[in-house]
Amino acid sequence: MPCSTKDSSICVKGSCKQVGCDGEFGSSAEFDTCGVCNGDGSTCSVIEGTFTGNNHGTSTVVTLPESAYDITISSAVPLGEMSRNLVGLEADGERPLRPNAGLHYFFYGGAGWKTTQYNNLKLLFEAKGPLTKPVEVTMVHYTGISMDNKGITYKFNVLKGKESHIQRKSQRQTMKTRSDPSPTTEPTELYVWVTEEGECSKDCAGGTKSVTLFCQRSDTGYVVGNQYCQHLQKPHEERRIPCNLDPCPVRWRVGTWGECSRTCGEGVMVRSLTCTREVSEGTWEDLDQTYCDHVSRPTDRYECNIEDCVDSKKQKAKTVSPRLSYWMRALQKLRSTSSS
């Protein structure tokens, strides 16, 4: 079993033994940033950029070349702000891949991939590589829905110049023997189940996170197909577990505005303010307002009906119809004549 998911050391009879990228016990050989065993990184180039296209349908973000290494594809903003843009992978001879939300591990383009797609995260895909074939990163946007591409960023390493072709071919062959070995010719202890926990669905008040199993080759750390671990007992079933159980920070909860205190002449509308915090999913705890002193306080009073009031008798006189006004004057004149 591996001693850690962070390096290539494996547990042998209760002690950790270092395994180099050359497959030798005790070796300190490591892959450089291009995936060259014992390389010094001098033949590496870093390719990075941002795709901001706004076309409907399917667009190519970037084509990852064969032998690409240390690949990261991410969104410039959290996925929840990306409207209906779906980012996926396509490669010759393989079905287009557009994972659902959550944490997933899969094998694509000759390399093990990890995807974490949550509304509050930016990361989409990552792979150590190297790829054994070109992989196209695509973005699909449905017609009829407003475009909202804030930017898809990519970063990966490739080998430079003429050596890149030679190293790429050599590295592809190495990757093939390491990632797709025949279970009948490879020692079974090289494959182990590894547990990884996903991101918590909430920052506080009790979220959940996935606990996922994937099959890993212990001498290289590469993720391989789960079929290579089928003969091993799983340490546990994949599941979701609670996380971030602490209450959320306090905040103000505002009530609805009441009726205006006056119909004219500067009235006031008020609403209630409550200092509260979420302690669990859908459960809130109301606190004394002093607990929210450090939080910006919303307005709880609002002036309304500020126009001047009008005398009701004058207003009534102004609204008498011309016909009624004529008969009122006639009646007044008749009374004056009778009294004289």
Protein backbone atom coordinates (compact mmCIF):
# COMPACT_ATOMS: atom_id res chain seq x y z
CA MET A 1 0.00 0.00 0.00
CA PRO A 2 1.16 3.59 -0.54
CA CYS A 3 2.27 5.48 2.55
CA SER A 4 0.75 8.66 1.16
CA THR A 5 -1.09 9.94 -1.89
CA LYS A 6 1.47 12.76 -2.06
CA ASP A 7 4.52 10.66 -3.07
CA SER A 8 5.47 7.26 -4.49
CA SER A 9 6.59 5.57 -1.27
CA ILE A 10 4.91 2.26 -0.48
CA CYS A 11 4.46 0.27 2.70
CA VAL A 12 6.52 -2.93 2.84
CA LYS A 13 6.24 -5.05 6.01
CA GLY A 14 5.23 -2.06 8.12
CA SER A 15 7.79 0.45 6.86
CA CYS A 16 7.74 3.00 4.04
CA LYS A 17 10.03 2.31 1.10
CA GLN A 18 10.78 5.00 -1.44
CA VAL A 19 10.20 4.03 -5.07
CA GLY A 20 11.65 6.27 -7.77
CA CYS A 21 10.11 7.05 -11.15
CA ASP A 22 12.49 4.42 -12.55
CA GLY A 23 10.62 1.76 -10.55
CA GLU A 24 13.57 1.00 -8.27
CA PHE A 25 13.29 0.75 -4.49
CA GLY A 26 15.34 3.37 -2.69
CA SER A 27 15.73 5.42 -5.86
CA SER A 28 15.39 9.19 -5.60
CA ALA A 29 14.58 9.55 -9.29
CA GLU A 30 11.63 11.89 -9.87
CA PHE A 31 9.62 13.14 -12.80
CA ASP A 32 10.32 16.74 -13.79
CA THR A 33 7.62 19.22 -14.78
CA CYS A 34 7.27 17.59 -18.20
CA GLY A 35 7.07 14.04 -16.90
CA VAL A 36 10.64 13.12 -17.82
CA CYS A 37 12.13 10.68 -15.33
CA ASN A 38 15.28 12.21 -13.81
CA GLY A 39 14.82 15.29 -16.00
CA ASP A 40 15.84 18.75 -14.88
CA GLY A 41 12.99 20.70 -16.50
CA SER A 42 15.28 22.35 -19.05
CA THR A 43 13.32 20.88 -21.95
CA CYS A 44 9.95 22.04 -20.63
CA SER A 45 7.63 24.76 -21.87
CA VAL A 46 4.63 26.05 -19.93
CA ILE A 47 1.54 26.70 -22.05
CA GLU A 48 -1.24 28.73 -20.49
CA GLY A 49 -4.09 30.97 -21.61
CA THR A 50 -7.73 31.92 -21.21
CA PHE A 51 -10.62 31.17 -23.56
CA THR A 52 -13.37 33.82 -23.59
CA GLY A 53 -15.35 32.82 -26.69
CA ASN A 54 -19.08 33.52 -26.71
CA ASN A 55 -20.34 31.29 -29.51
CA HIS A 56 -23.43 29.15 -29.17
CA GLY A 57 -23.00 25.43 -29.68
CA THR A 58 -19.67 23.66 -29.15
CA SER A 59 -16.42 25.66 -28.99
CA THR A 60 -12.85 24.45 -28.62
CA VAL A 61 -11.17 25.90 -25.54
CA VAL A 62 -7.77 24.36 -26.28
CA THR A 63 -6.36 21.19 -27.81
CA LEU A 64 -4.02 19.47 -25.38
CA PRO A 65 -1.20 17.81 -27.34
CA GLU A 66 0.05 14.29 -26.92
CA SER A 67 2.53 14.15 -23.98
CA ALA A 68 0.96 17.17 -22.21
CA TYR A 69 1.80 17.01 -18.50
CA ASP A 70 0.57 18.66 -15.29
CA ILE A 71 -2.73 19.77 -16.86
CA THR A 72 -5.13 22.14 -15.11
CA ILE A 73 -8.40 23.43 -16.59
CA SER A 74 -10.39 25.88 -14.49
CA SER A 75 -13.05 28.58 -14.64
CA ALA A 76 -12.23 32.23 -14.01
CA VAL A 77 -15.27 32.37 -11.68
CA PRO A 78 -17.08 29.78 -9.53
CA LEU A 79 -19.15 27.40 -11.65
CA GLY A 80 -22.40 28.74 -10.20
CA GLU A 81 -21.77 32.01 -12.06
CA MET A 82 -21.17 30.38 -15.46
CA SER A 83 -24.78 30.18 -16.65
CA ARG A 84 -25.29 26.96 -18.70
CA ASN A 85 -21.75 26.50 -20.05
CA LEU A 86 -20.64 22.85 -19.92
CA VAL A 87 -16.93 22.08 -20.18
CA GLY A 88 -15.87 18.62 -21.31
CA LEU A 89 -13.20 16.54 -23.03
CA GLU A 90 -13.09 14.90 -26.46
CA ALA A 91 -10.52 12.53 -27.99
CA ASP A 92 -10.36 10.27 -31.04
CA GLY A 93 -11.76 6.84 -30.37
CA GLU A 94 -13.37 7.85 -27.05
CA ARG A 95 -16.82 9.11 -26.18
CA PRO A 96 -17.10 12.85 -25.41
CA LEU A 97 -16.88 13.31 -21.67
CA ARG A 98 -18.94 15.90 -19.79
CA PRO A 99 -19.05 14.87 -16.13
CA ASN A 100 -21.94 15.69 -13.84
CA ALA A 101 -21.46 17.88 -10.79
CA GLY A 102 -19.37 16.46 -7.98
CA LEU A 103 -16.03 14.71 -7.60
CA HIS A 104 -15.08 12.10 -10.21
CA TYR A 105 -12.03 10.09 -11.27
CA PHE A 106 -11.69 8.67 -14.76
CA PHE A 107 -9.19 7.55 -17.39
CA TYR A 108 -9.14 9.54 -20.64
CA GLY A 109 -6.61 10.19 -23.40
CA GLY A 110 -4.19 7.77 -21.78
CA ALA A 111 -4.05 9.57 -18.43
CA GLY A 112 -5.84 9.56 -15.10
CA TRP A 113 -8.04 12.61 -14.49
CA LYS A 114 -9.77 14.17 -11.52
CA THR A 115 -12.71 16.52 -11.89
CA THR A 116 -14.30 18.61 -9.15
CA GLN A 117 -17.37 20.44 -10.38
CA TYR A 118 -19.22 22.34 -7.65
CA ASN A 119 -21.02 25.68 -7.88
CA ASN A 120 -18.70 27.27 -5.31
CA LEU A 121 -15.44 26.10 -6.94
CA LYS A 122 -13.43 27.15 -9.98
CA LEU A 123 -11.46 23.98 -10.73
CA LEU A 124 -12.82 21.80 -13.54
CA PHE A 125 -10.23 19.20 -14.56
CA GLU A 126 -6.71 18.20 -13.62
CA ALA A 127 -4.39 15.42 -14.78
CA LYS A 128 -0.78 14.55 -14.10
CA GLY A 129 -0.31 13.08 -17.55
CA PRO A 130 1.32 12.59 -19.89
CA LEU A 131 -1.40 12.22 -22.52
CA THR A 132 -0.96 9.47 -25.08
CA LYS A 133 -3.15 11.24 -27.63
CA PRO A 134 -4.42 14.80 -28.22
CA VAL A 135 -7.40 15.73 -26.06
CA GLU A 136 -9.70 18.59 -26.99
CA VAL A 137 -11.17 20.69 -24.18
CA THR A 138 -14.61 21.88 -25.31
CA MET A 139 -17.32 24.17 -24.01
CA VAL A 140 -20.96 23.56 -24.94
CA HIS A 141 -23.52 26.34 -24.72
CA TYR A 142 -27.18 25.73 -25.51
CA THR A 143 -28.96 27.95 -28.02
CA GLY A 144 -31.65 30.15 -26.51
CA ILE A 145 -29.85 30.75 -23.21
CA SER A 146 -27.87 33.95 -22.68
CA MET A 147 -24.10 33.49 -22.98
CA ASP A 148 -22.08 34.08 -19.83
CA ASN A 149 -18.52 32.85 -20.38
CA LYS A 150 -16.34 34.57 -17.78
CA GLY A 151 -13.27 32.75 -19.06
CA ILE A 152 -11.90 29.19 -19.07
CA THR A 153 -8.20 29.09 -18.17
CA TYR A 154 -5.80 26.28 -19.03
CA LYS A 155 -2.22 25.46 -18.10
CA PHE A 156 -0.03 22.50 -19.02
CA ASN A 157 3.59 21.57 -19.70
CA VAL A 158 5.09 20.16 -22.91
CA LEU A 159 8.57 19.27 -24.12
CA LYS A 160 10.44 21.73 -26.30
CA GLY A 161 11.77 21.46 -29.82
CA LYS A 162 13.02 18.38 -31.54
CA GLU A 163 13.53 16.48 -28.30
CA SER A 164 9.82 16.82 -27.58
CA HIS A 165 8.95 14.39 -30.37
CA ILE A 166 11.46 11.78 -29.16
CA GLN A 167 10.57 12.21 -25.50
CA ARG A 168 6.93 12.25 -26.31
CA LYS A 169 7.14 8.90 -28.05
CA SER A 170 9.27 7.42 -25.29
CA GLN A 171 7.02 8.86 -22.61
CA ARG A 172 3.94 7.53 -24.34
CA GLN A 173 5.36 4.02 -24.29
CA THR A 174 6.31 4.40 -20.64
CA MET A 175 2.86 5.66 -19.77
CA LYS A 176 1.26 2.77 -21.59
CA THR A 177 3.17 0.17 -19.61
CA ARG A 178 2.48 2.02 -16.35
CA SER A 179 -1.18 2.86 -16.84
CA ASP A 180 -2.45 -0.06 -18.92
CA PRO A 181 -0.50 -3.09 -17.77
CA SER A 182 -1.92 -6.54 -18.12
CA PRO A 183 -3.13 -7.77 -14.74
CA THR A 184 -1.68 -11.19 -15.58
CA THR A 185 1.88 -9.87 -15.99
CA GLU A 186 2.07 -7.21 -13.25
CA PRO A 187 2.43 -7.97 -9.54
CA THR A 188 -0.94 -7.35 -7.91
CA GLU A 189 0.51 -5.50 -4.90
CA LEU A 190 1.25 -2.58 -7.21
CA TYR A 191 -2.45 -1.68 -7.24
CA VAL A 192 -4.28 -0.27 -4.22
CA TRP A 193 -7.57 1.39 -3.38
CA VAL A 194 -7.05 5.01 -2.37
CA THR A 195 -9.60 7.18 -0.58
CA GLU A 196 -10.09 10.84 -1.40
CA GLU A 197 -12.59 13.24 0.09
CA GLY A 198 -14.32 15.86 -2.04
CA GLU A 199 -15.09 19.48 -1.26
CA CYS A 200 -17.74 20.22 1.34
CA SER A 201 -21.05 21.37 -0.12
CA LYS A 202 -21.33 24.17 2.47
CA ASP A 203 -18.87 26.39 4.32
CA CYS A 204 -20.76 26.08 7.62
CA ALA A 205 -23.90 24.76 9.34
CA GLY A 206 -23.44 21.21 8.16
CA GLY A 207 -22.69 20.29 4.58
CA THR A 208 -21.74 16.95 3.05
CA LYS A 209 -18.80 15.75 1.01
CA SER A 210 -18.20 12.67 -1.08
CA VAL A 211 -15.77 9.95 -0.08
CA THR A 212 -14.56 8.36 -3.29
CA LEU A 213 -12.43 5.30 -4.01
CA PHE A 214 -10.11 5.05 -6.97
CA CYS A 215 -7.50 2.55 -8.06
CA GLN A 216 -3.91 3.76 -7.99
CA ARG A 217 -0.64 2.27 -9.09
CA SER A 218 1.51 2.55 -5.98
CA ASP A 219 4.93 2.85 -7.64
CA THR A 220 4.00 5.82 -9.85
CA GLY A 221 0.92 7.31 -8.18
CA TYR A 222 -0.99 7.15 -11.48
CA VAL A 223 -4.76 6.66 -11.37
CA VAL A 224 -5.74 3.57 -13.36
CA GLY A 225 -8.99 1.82 -14.19
CA ASN A 226 -10.85 0.29 -11.25
CA GLN A 227 -10.65 -3.14 -12.88
CA TYR A 228 -7.04 -3.41 -11.71
CA CYS A 229 -8.21 -3.31 -8.08
CA GLN A 230 -11.19 -5.64 -8.43
CA HIS A 231 -9.33 -8.47 -6.68
CA LEU A 232 -8.78 -6.24 -3.62
CA GLN A 233 -11.28 -5.67 -0.83
CA LYS A 234 -12.54 -2.11 -0.72
CA PRO A 235 -11.76 -0.35 2.58
CA HIS A 236 -15.29 1.07 2.57
CA GLU A 237 -18.12 1.92 0.21
CA GLU A 238 -18.32 5.25 -1.56
CA ARG A 239 -20.57 7.56 0.41
CA ARG A 240 -21.25 11.11 1.56
CA ILE A 241 -20.25 12.24 5.05
CA PRO A 242 -21.05 15.35 7.15
CA CYS A 243 -18.58 18.25 7.15
CA ASN A 244 -18.21 21.86 8.35
CA LEU A 245 -20.63 21.41 11.24
CA ASP A 246 -19.85 24.72 12.98
CA PRO A 247 -22.57 27.43 12.91
CA CYS A 248 -22.36 30.08 10.21
CA PRO A 249 -21.26 33.65 11.01
CA VAL A 250 -23.96 35.95 12.38
CA ARG A 251 -25.97 38.10 10.00
CA TRP A 252 -28.97 40.43 9.99
CA ARG A 253 -32.35 39.03 8.97
CA VAL A 254 -34.69 41.75 7.73
CA GLY A 255 -38.48 41.70 7.99
CA THR A 256 -40.99 43.15 5.53
CA TRP A 257 -41.73 46.88 5.44
CA GLY A 258 -44.81 47.94 7.40
CA GLU A 259 -47.49 50.47 6.39
CA CYS A 260 -46.53 54.13 6.13
CA SER A 261 -47.39 55.97 9.36
CA ARG A 262 -49.05 58.87 7.47
CA THR A 263 -50.77 59.31 4.14
CA CYS A 264 -49.02 62.65 3.61
CA GLY A 265 -46.67 65.04 5.35
CA GLU A 266 -43.59 62.87 5.94
CA GLY A 267 -44.57 59.46 7.24
CA VAL A 268 -42.24 56.62 8.22
CA MET A 269 -42.11 52.93 7.29
CA VAL A 270 -40.23 50.51 9.58
CA ARG A 271 -39.16 46.88 9.43
CA SER A 272 -37.73 44.48 11.98
CA LEU A 273 -34.05 43.49 12.16
CA THR A 274 -32.97 40.26 13.84
CA CYS A 275 -29.42 39.14 14.58
CA THR A 276 -29.30 35.46 13.63
CA ARG A 277 -27.07 32.63 12.45
CA GLU A 278 -27.64 29.29 10.75
CA VAL A 279 -26.68 26.43 13.07
CA SER A 280 -27.70 23.53 10.82
CA GLU A 281 -29.42 23.01 7.50
CA GLY A 282 -32.57 25.16 7.64
CA THR A 283 -32.27 25.84 11.40
CA TRP A 284 -31.57 29.39 12.57
CA GLU A 285 -30.73 30.73 16.02
CA ASP A 286 -31.81 34.28 16.92
CA LEU A 287 -29.32 36.21 19.07
CA ASP A 288 -29.12 39.49 20.93
CA GLN A 289 -28.44 42.35 18.53
CA THR A 290 -25.09 43.07 20.20
CA TYR A 291 -23.72 39.91 18.54
CA CYS A 292 -24.15 41.67 15.19
CA ASP A 293 -22.47 44.94 16.16
CA HIS A 294 -19.54 44.19 13.85
CA VAL A 295 -21.84 43.46 10.89
CA SER A 296 -23.09 46.24 8.63
CA ARG A 297 -26.62 47.08 9.81
CA PRO A 298 -29.33 47.35 7.13
CA THR A 299 -31.73 50.31 7.11
CA ASP A 300 -34.80 49.72 9.26
CA ARG A 301 -36.58 53.11 8.75
CA TYR A 302 -37.68 54.66 5.50
CA GLU A 303 -39.40 58.01 4.89
CA CYS A 304 -42.63 57.79 2.92
CA ASN A 305 -45.48 60.03 1.66
CA ILE A 306 -43.34 63.12 2.11
CA GLU A 307 -45.58 65.41 0.00
CA ASP A 308 -47.48 68.19 1.84
CA CYS A 309 -51.04 67.53 2.96
CA VAL A 310 -53.88 69.51 1.23
CA ASP A 311 -56.87 71.13 3.12
CA SER A 312 -59.81 68.79 2.57
CA LYS A 313 -62.42 71.60 2.17
CA LYS A 314 -60.35 73.45 -0.39
CA GLN A 315 -59.64 70.20 -2.13
CA LYS A 316 -63.38 69.41 -2.20
CA ALA A 317 -64.21 72.84 -3.64
CA LYS A 318 -61.60 72.38 -6.32
CA THR A 319 -63.13 69.11 -7.33
CA VAL A 320 -66.79 70.35 -7.74
CA SER A 321 -68.00 69.80 -11.31
CA PRO A 322 -68.81 72.90 -13.49
CA ARG A 323 -72.52 71.90 -13.77
CA LEU A 324 -72.92 71.64 -9.99
CA SER A 325 -71.02 74.88 -9.53
CA TYR A 326 -73.53 76.68 -11.86
CA TRP A 327 -76.57 75.54 -9.85
CA MET A 328 -74.86 76.46 -6.56
CA ARG A 329 -74.29 80.03 -7.79
CA ALA A 330 -77.88 80.25 -9.05
CA LEU A 331 -79.23 79.09 -5.70
CA GLN A 332 -77.06 81.62 -3.87
CA LYS A 333 -78.34 84.42 -6.13
CA LEU A 334 -81.95 83.35 -5.56
CA ARG A 335 -81.47 83.45 -1.78
CA SER A 336 -79.98 86.95 -2.02
CA THR A 337 -82.97 88.19 -4.03
CA SER A 338 -85.49 86.69 -1.61
CA SER A 339 -83.85 88.27 1.41
CA SER A 340 -83.92 91.73 -0.14
